[in-house]
Protein backbone atom coordinates (compact mmCIF):
# COMPACT_ATOMS: atom_id res chain seq x y z
CA MET A 1 0.02 0.07 -0.10
CA GLY A 2 1.13 3.43 -1.12
CA GLU A 3 1.67 6.30 1.39
CA GLN A 4 -1.56 7.87 -0.04
CA GLY A 5 -3.42 4.76 0.42
CA LYS A 6 -2.23 4.39 4.18
CA TYR A 7 -3.84 7.64 4.87
CA ALA A 8 -6.84 7.49 2.36
CA GLU A 9 -9.35 6.85 5.51
CA LEU A 10 -8.23 10.07 7.07
CA ILE A 11 -8.46 11.95 3.75
CA ASP A 12 -12.03 10.63 3.20
CA ARG A 13 -13.21 11.40 6.48
CA ASN A 14 -11.85 15.06 6.52
CA ILE A 15 -11.77 18.15 4.28
CA ASN A 16 -8.65 20.04 2.87
CA LEU A 17 -8.85 23.54 4.64
CA ALA A 18 -5.91 24.73 2.52
CA ASP A 19 -8.16 24.50 -0.65
CA GLU A 20 -8.46 28.00 -2.57
CA ARG A 21 -11.93 27.22 -3.64
CA LEU A 22 -13.03 27.23 0.00
CA GLY A 23 -11.36 30.55 0.54
CA ALA A 24 -7.86 29.67 1.77
CA VAL A 25 -5.21 32.44 0.83
CA ALA A 26 -1.57 32.41 0.79
CA LEU A 27 -0.76 35.62 2.81
CA SER A 28 2.98 36.29 2.54
CA ALA A 29 6.32 34.32 1.97
CA THR A 30 9.87 35.19 2.59
CA ASP A 31 10.66 34.66 -1.07
CA GLU A 32 8.60 33.30 -4.32
CA PHE A 33 11.24 34.10 -7.08
CA PHE A 34 10.80 30.96 -9.08
CA ALA A 35 6.93 30.16 -8.34
CA PRO A 36 4.20 32.07 -6.57
CA MET A 37 2.96 30.92 -3.07
CA SER A 38 -0.74 30.89 -4.51
CA ARG A 39 -0.18 27.72 -6.53
CA MET A 40 0.31 25.75 -3.59
CA LEU A 41 -3.38 25.90 -2.75
CA ASN A 42 -4.71 24.89 -6.10
CA PRO A 43 -6.92 21.96 -5.55
CA ALA A 44 -5.86 20.28 -8.84
CA GLU A 45 -3.11 17.72 -9.04
CA PRO A 46 0.27 19.42 -9.72
CA GLU A 47 1.45 19.31 -13.30
CA TRP A 48 4.76 19.19 -15.19
CA ARG A 49 5.16 21.43 -18.37
CA ALA A 50 8.40 20.12 -20.09
CA GLY A 51 10.43 22.69 -21.77
CA VAL A 52 8.41 25.59 -20.38
CA TYR A 53 10.50 28.34 -18.84
CA ASP A 54 9.62 32.00 -17.84
CA ALA A 55 11.69 35.10 -16.96
CA HIS A 56 12.85 33.53 -13.70
CA GLY A 57 13.62 30.03 -14.97
CA LYS A 58 11.84 26.68 -15.19
CA TRP A 59 8.23 26.91 -14.73
CA MET A 60 6.97 24.87 -11.62
CA ASP A 61 3.58 24.10 -10.51
CA GLY A 62 3.99 25.15 -6.80
CA TRP A 63 5.93 27.66 -4.60
CA GLU A 64 9.57 27.83 -5.09
CA SER A 65 11.97 30.20 -3.40
CA ARG A 66 15.35 31.18 -4.79
CA ARG A 67 18.67 29.31 -3.52
CA ARG A 68 19.29 30.77 -0.18
CA ARG A 69 23.02 32.08 0.52
CA ASP A 70 22.53 33.02 4.29
CA GLN A 71 21.78 30.82 7.43
CA GLY A 72 17.96 31.65 7.59
CA HIS A 73 15.00 29.70 5.95
CA ASP A 74 12.11 30.25 4.01
CA TYR A 75 8.25 30.27 5.12
CA CYS A 76 4.84 31.07 3.84
CA ILE A 77 1.79 31.93 5.87
CA VAL A 78 -1.52 30.50 4.80
CA GLN A 79 -4.79 31.68 5.95
CA LEU A 80 -7.10 28.50 6.08
CA ALA A 81 -10.59 28.44 4.89
CA GLY A 82 -12.05 28.72 8.30
CA PRO A 83 -11.40 27.77 11.91
CA CYS A 84 -10.66 24.01 12.15
CA THR A 85 -9.05 21.16 13.90
CA LEU A 86 -6.37 19.23 11.73
CA ALA A 87 -5.89 15.74 11.40
CA LEU A 88 -3.31 15.29 8.48
CA LEU A 89 -0.81 17.41 6.71
CA ASP A 90 0.38 16.80 2.89
CA ILE A 91 3.62 18.52 1.99
CA ASP A 92 3.43 17.41 -1.59
CA THR A 93 6.79 17.94 -3.43
CA ARG A 94 5.82 16.23 -6.92
CA TYR A 95 8.01 17.14 -9.89
CA PHE A 96 10.45 19.04 -7.38
CA THR A 97 13.42 16.63 -7.65
CA GLY A 98 16.69 18.57 -7.14
CA ASN A 99 15.14 21.54 -5.73
CA PHE A 100 12.65 20.42 -2.87
CA PRO A 101 13.35 21.33 0.61
CA PRO A 102 15.20 18.56 2.71
CA PHE A 103 13.16 19.50 5.76
CA ALA A 104 10.08 21.41 6.80
CA SER A 105 8.09 22.28 9.88
CA VAL A 106 4.40 23.74 10.36
CA GLN A 107 3.20 25.84 12.98
CA ALA A 108 -0.37 27.32 13.59
CA CYS A 109 -2.39 29.90 15.23
CA ARG A 110 -5.89 31.26 15.53
CA LEU A 111 -6.49 34.87 15.01
CA GLU A 112 -9.38 37.03 13.92
CA GLY A 113 -7.13 39.29 11.83
CA ARG A 114 -3.59 38.69 10.00
CA PRO A 115 -0.78 37.38 11.72
CA ASP A 116 2.08 39.77 12.51
CA ALA A 117 5.65 39.89 14.44
CA THR A 118 3.76 39.62 17.80
CA THR A 119 1.80 36.57 16.60
CA GLN A 120 2.36 33.49 18.93
CA TRP A 121 2.77 30.22 16.96
CA THR A 122 2.10 26.83 18.02
CA GLU A 123 4.26 23.95 16.73
CA LEU A 124 2.10 21.24 15.03
CA LEU A 125 5.03 19.52 13.06
CA PRO A 126 8.55 19.73 14.47
CA SER A 127 11.26 19.76 11.72
CA ALA A 128 10.93 16.59 9.72
CA PRO A 129 12.62 15.24 6.75
CA LEU A 130 10.95 15.70 3.22
CA GLN A 131 11.30 13.42 0.10
CA GLY A 132 11.15 14.84 -3.31
CA ASP A 133 8.77 14.27 -6.17
CA GLN A 134 6.02 12.87 -3.92
CA HIS A 135 3.48 13.33 -1.24
CA ASN A 136 4.87 13.75 2.36
CA PHE A 137 2.15 12.90 4.86
CA PHE A 138 2.11 13.80 8.56
CA PRO A 139 -0.57 12.72 10.75
CA LEU A 140 -1.45 15.21 13.63
CA GLN A 141 -3.51 14.89 16.88
CA PRO A 142 -6.68 17.12 16.38
CA THR A 143 -6.06 19.33 19.41
CA GLY A 144 -6.70 22.98 19.20
CA THR A 145 -8.31 24.97 16.65
CA TRP A 146 -6.43 27.13 13.95
CA THR A 147 -7.21 29.76 11.31
CA HIS A 148 -3.65 29.92 10.01
CA LEU A 149 -0.62 27.76 9.19
CA LYS A 150 3.31 28.97 8.77
CA LEU A 151 4.92 26.46 6.53
CA ASN A 152 8.76 26.49 7.10
CA THR A 153 11.20 25.11 4.52
CA TYR A 154 14.92 24.24 5.45
CA PRO A 155 16.63 26.14 4.09
CA ASP A 156 14.73 26.84 0.75
CA GLY A 157 13.12 25.03 -2.34
CA GLY A 158 9.93 24.24 -3.80
CA VAL A 159 6.58 22.69 -2.59
CA ALA A 160 4.04 21.79 -5.26
CA ARG A 161 0.87 21.59 -2.78
CA LEU A 162 0.17 22.01 0.91
CA ARG A 163 -2.98 20.19 1.99
CA ALA A 164 -4.46 20.56 5.48
CA TYR A 165 -7.19 17.90 6.37
CA GLY A 166 -9.19 18.33 9.09
CA ALA A 167 -12.77 19.34 10.33
CA VAL A 168 -14.45 22.87 10.30
CA HIS A 169 -15.33 24.26 13.82
CA ARG A 170 -18.51 26.07 13.15
CA GLU A 171 -20.28 28.00 16.17
CA TRP A 172 -23.85 27.49 15.76
CA THR A 173 -25.08 29.24 18.74
CA GLY A 174 -25.03 32.83 16.93
CA VAL A 175 -26.50 32.06 13.65
CA GLY A 176 -30.01 33.69 14.64
CA THR A 177 -33.21 32.30 13.29
CA GLY A 178 -32.86 32.58 9.38
CA ALA A 179 -32.24 29.75 7.21
CA VAL A 180 -28.48 28.65 6.38
CA ASP A 181 -26.92 26.15 4.22
CA LEU A 182 -26.67 23.25 6.60
CA SER A 183 -24.70 21.25 4.09
CA ALA A 184 -22.10 23.88 2.97
CA ALA A 185 -18.55 22.41 3.33
CA LEU A 186 -17.66 25.68 5.38
CA ASN A 187 -20.42 24.86 7.70
CA GLY A 188 -19.12 21.37 8.28
CA GLY A 189 -20.97 19.45 5.75
CA ARG A 190 -19.46 16.38 4.39
CA ALA A 191 -20.25 13.87 1.37
CA LEU A 192 -19.69 10.52 3.08
CA ALA A 193 -20.26 7.88 0.40
CA CYS A 194 -21.66 7.60 -3.19
CA SER A 195 -22.58 5.00 -5.99
CA ASP A 196 -19.86 6.37 -8.33
CA GLU A 197 -17.72 9.37 -9.01
CA HIS A 198 -15.89 8.55 -12.14
CA TYR A 199 -15.83 12.19 -13.80
CA GLY A 200 -16.12 14.37 -10.57
CA ALA A 201 -15.70 14.24 -6.71
CA MET A 202 -18.83 14.15 -4.45
CA ASN A 203 -17.49 16.72 -2.05
CA ASN A 204 -17.45 19.39 -4.80
CA LEU A 205 -21.19 19.44 -4.47
CA LEU A 206 -20.74 21.34 -1.00
CA LEU A 207 -18.27 24.04 -2.25
CA PRO A 208 -19.04 27.62 -2.31
CA GLY A 209 -20.26 29.55 -5.32
CA ARG A 210 -21.09 27.62 -8.75
CA GLY A 211 -18.79 25.28 -10.51
CA ALA A 212 -16.19 26.54 -12.66
CA SER A 213 -16.58 23.88 -15.04
CA MET A 214 -18.05 20.16 -15.18
CA ALA A 215 -14.92 18.89 -13.42
CA ASP A 216 -16.02 21.12 -10.44
CA GLY A 217 -19.12 19.13 -9.86
CA TRP A 218 -20.12 15.44 -9.18
CA GLU A 219 -20.53 13.36 -12.18
CA THR A 220 -21.11 9.79 -12.63
CA ARG A 221 -20.37 7.51 -15.51
CA ARG A 222 -23.17 6.42 -17.88
CA ARG A 223 -25.45 3.82 -16.07
CA ARG A 224 -25.87 0.74 -18.36
CA GLU A 225 -28.03 -1.10 -15.67
CA PRO A 226 -31.22 -0.62 -13.75
CA GLY A 227 -31.10 1.75 -10.79
CA TYR A 228 -29.83 5.13 -10.11
CA ASP A 229 -26.83 7.15 -8.88
CA TRP A 230 -26.86 8.66 -5.23
CA VAL A 231 -24.64 10.45 -2.58
CA ILE A 232 -24.90 10.54 1.12
CA VAL A 233 -24.25 14.04 2.73
CA ARG A 234 -23.98 14.60 6.51
CA LEU A 235 -25.05 18.26 7.47
CA GLY A 236 -22.72 20.29 9.54
CA CYS A 237 -25.53 20.50 11.96
CA ALA A 238 -28.85 18.76 12.27
CA GLY A 239 -31.81 20.86 11.46
CA ARG A 240 -35.20 21.03 9.69
CA ILE A 241 -34.84 21.71 5.94
CA GLU A 242 -36.90 24.44 4.49
CA TYR A 243 -35.71 24.43 1.09
CA VAL A 244 -33.13 22.79 -1.51
CA GLU A 245 -31.17 24.20 -4.22
CA VAL A 246 -29.92 22.13 -6.98
CA ASP A 247 -27.35 23.52 -9.40
CA THR A 248 -26.57 21.85 -12.92
CA ALA A 249 -24.08 24.52 -13.95
CA HIS A 250 -22.05 23.52 -17.10
CA PHE A 251 -23.93 20.17 -17.15
CA LYS A 252 -26.01 20.26 -20.46
CA GLY A 253 -26.09 16.94 -22.20
CA ASN A 254 -25.44 15.03 -19.10
CA TYR A 255 -27.46 16.46 -16.26
CA PRO A 256 -29.94 13.99 -14.38
CA HIS A 257 -33.39 13.61 -15.72
CA GLN A 258 -34.70 13.77 -12.23
CA ILE A 259 -33.66 14.20 -8.73
CA SER A 260 -35.15 12.80 -5.28
CA ILE A 261 -34.05 13.05 -1.72
CA ASN A 262 -34.30 10.94 1.25
CA ALA A 263 -33.62 12.13 4.75
CA ALA A 264 -33.08 11.08 8.52
CA LEU A 265 -31.75 11.90 11.88
CA VAL A 266 -28.96 9.56 12.43
CA HIS A 267 -27.25 9.23 15.98
CA GLY A 268 -23.54 8.73 16.84
CA ALA A 269 -22.32 5.20 15.98
CA ALA A 270 -25.05 4.61 13.91
CA GLU A 271 -23.17 6.50 11.02
CA GLY A 272 -21.09 3.50 10.32
CA ASP A 273 -23.84 1.64 8.48
CA LEU A 274 -25.32 4.31 6.26
CA ARG A 275 -25.27 2.67 2.99
CA SER A 276 -27.82 -0.06 4.32
CA GLN A 277 -29.62 2.21 6.53
CA CYS A 278 -30.36 4.80 4.08
CA LEU A 279 -32.47 2.39 1.97
CA TYR A 280 -35.16 3.00 4.80
CA TRP A 281 -34.87 6.92 5.18
CA PRO A 282 -38.19 8.83 4.80
CA VAL A 283 -38.52 10.76 1.58
CA LEU A 284 -37.98 14.37 1.87
CA LEU A 285 -38.36 15.13 -2.05
CA GLU A 286 -40.20 13.10 -4.39
CA PRO A 287 -38.54 12.70 -8.05
CA GLN A 288 -38.62 16.04 -9.69
CA LEU A 289 -37.43 17.14 -13.17
CA LEU A 290 -34.21 18.97 -13.60
CA GLN A 291 -33.05 21.45 -16.32
CA ALA A 292 -29.70 21.88 -18.05
CA ASP A 293 -27.11 24.35 -16.70
CA ASN A 294 -29.70 25.88 -14.19
CA VAL A 295 -30.46 26.60 -10.63
CA VAL A 296 -33.61 25.04 -9.37
CA GLN A 297 -35.22 25.61 -5.88
CA PHE A 298 -37.73 23.22 -4.09
CA ARG A 299 -39.66 24.44 -1.33
CA ALA A 300 -43.50 23.52 -1.54
CA GLN A 301 -42.30 20.16 -2.90
CA LEU A 302 -40.59 19.12 0.33
CA ARG A 303 -42.21 16.68 2.98
CA ASP A 304 -42.12 17.51 6.48
CA VAL A 305 -39.73 14.73 7.98
CA GLY A 306 -38.74 16.81 11.06
CA ALA A 307 -35.06 17.54 12.05
CA VAL A 308 -32.54 15.51 9.77
CA SER A 309 -28.76 15.02 9.92
CA HIS A 310 -28.05 13.13 7.06
CA VAL A 311 -29.41 13.24 3.33
CA ARG A 312 -29.36 10.97 0.33
CA VAL A 313 -29.42 12.71 -3.11
CA ASN A 314 -30.56 10.49 -5.82
CA MET A 315 -29.86 11.28 -9.61
CA HIS A 316 -32.19 9.27 -11.90
CA PRO A 317 -30.65 7.66 -13.54
CA ASP A 318 -27.17 9.11 -13.69
CA GLY A 319 -25.42 12.39 -14.82
CA GLY A 320 -23.76 15.28 -12.98
CA LEU A 321 -24.58 18.09 -10.64
CA SER A 322 -22.63 21.20 -9.74
CA ARG A 323 -23.99 21.93 -6.18
CA VAL A 324 -26.72 20.97 -3.75
CA ARG A 325 -27.74 23.22 -0.97
CA PHE A 326 -29.99 22.34 2.06
CA PHE A 327 -31.24 25.62 3.65
CA GLY A 328 -32.80 25.31 7.10
CA ARG A 329 -32.43 26.39 10.88
CA PRO A 330 -30.19 24.44 13.20
CA ASP A 331 -32.31 22.01 15.37
CA HIS A 332 -31.51 24.23 18.70
CA VAL A 333 -32.73 27.41 16.94
CA LYS A 334 -36.30 27.97 17.24
CA GLY A 335 -38.19 30.24 14.91
C-alpha cells in the first residue's frame, strides 16, 4: 500500500482546509522568485510542463523560492478556509526533484485578523525530513482550533501543494433564526459515500459558489444497468430543511433527468452503516425534473420529515450536478 493509500481513510473523513476554492489564501512568503505561493493551494493535481520556462527560470507548479545564501530559512503563511481542527498534513513535492526542501516544519495559530510579528505560533509539526517528487504525509493529533498555518522550509526550495485535512469548527449558537445552508463545506457538511464518482468528486457538491466547469461538480459514468446514482451527505448541523437548491451549472447533455431526496436523523455510532440504513430513510423530495445548466429551488415540494442530520441525493438515472444546498435552521434554533 502506498503512502496515499495508508492515509486514505483520514483523507476521506476530513476536508482540505488549504483549498483556495473554500477561501484559503497564501498571505505572505519570504520569497517566491521561481513560483508563486498561491499555486500551493490549487486543488488540482500538480502538473509538469516540459520545456516551459519564464523570465525567472523553469516553470514549476507550486511555490518555489530562490537558492538561499545565508543561514536563514524560507516560510509561507497561509490563511485556512475557516477555523478548524487538523488531522493530517500533506507537503507534496511532486516534480520537485533537485530543488525540494530537505526539511520542513509547520506552525499554527488562531486569529481574527492577519498574523504579524507579535503572533504566537504553536508547533504542529517539528522539523521533519521530506522526500522529493512525492506526497509527504504527517498525521496530527486534532487538538486546538486553528485559522492560519506557517510552513517553514529548510533552507529553501519548492513545494507543489500544501494540504491540511481536518474538520471545520462552526459555532452554531449565533446564527440567528434565518435559514442557512446546513450542508455547506464551510458549515461542516461532508459527502460520506456515493454510488460512483468517475468524472467528478462528490465533495464538490458542497463547495461555495457555482462550479467553474463540469470537473468542479459531481458526475457519474453512464449507467448501463437498472437503478440510479446517489450520494449521502452529512449536514454540518442537524436541522429542519426549509428549501433545497440544486445547481446543474455546465451540465447540459449530461444532467440528471430527475432528482429525489431521502433524509433522516442519524445518531452517533449508527453512521457506520449508512449504506444499508439509507434504504429506509423517509422521502424528503419525490422525483422532480431538472434542467440543463440551471439552478432550481424546491420548497413547496418538500415533505415535513422533522429534523434531519443526513440526506441521500438521488440522480435518476445518472449524470452530473454542480452544487446541492440544504437550507434550514439548526435544530436548537427556534423560529
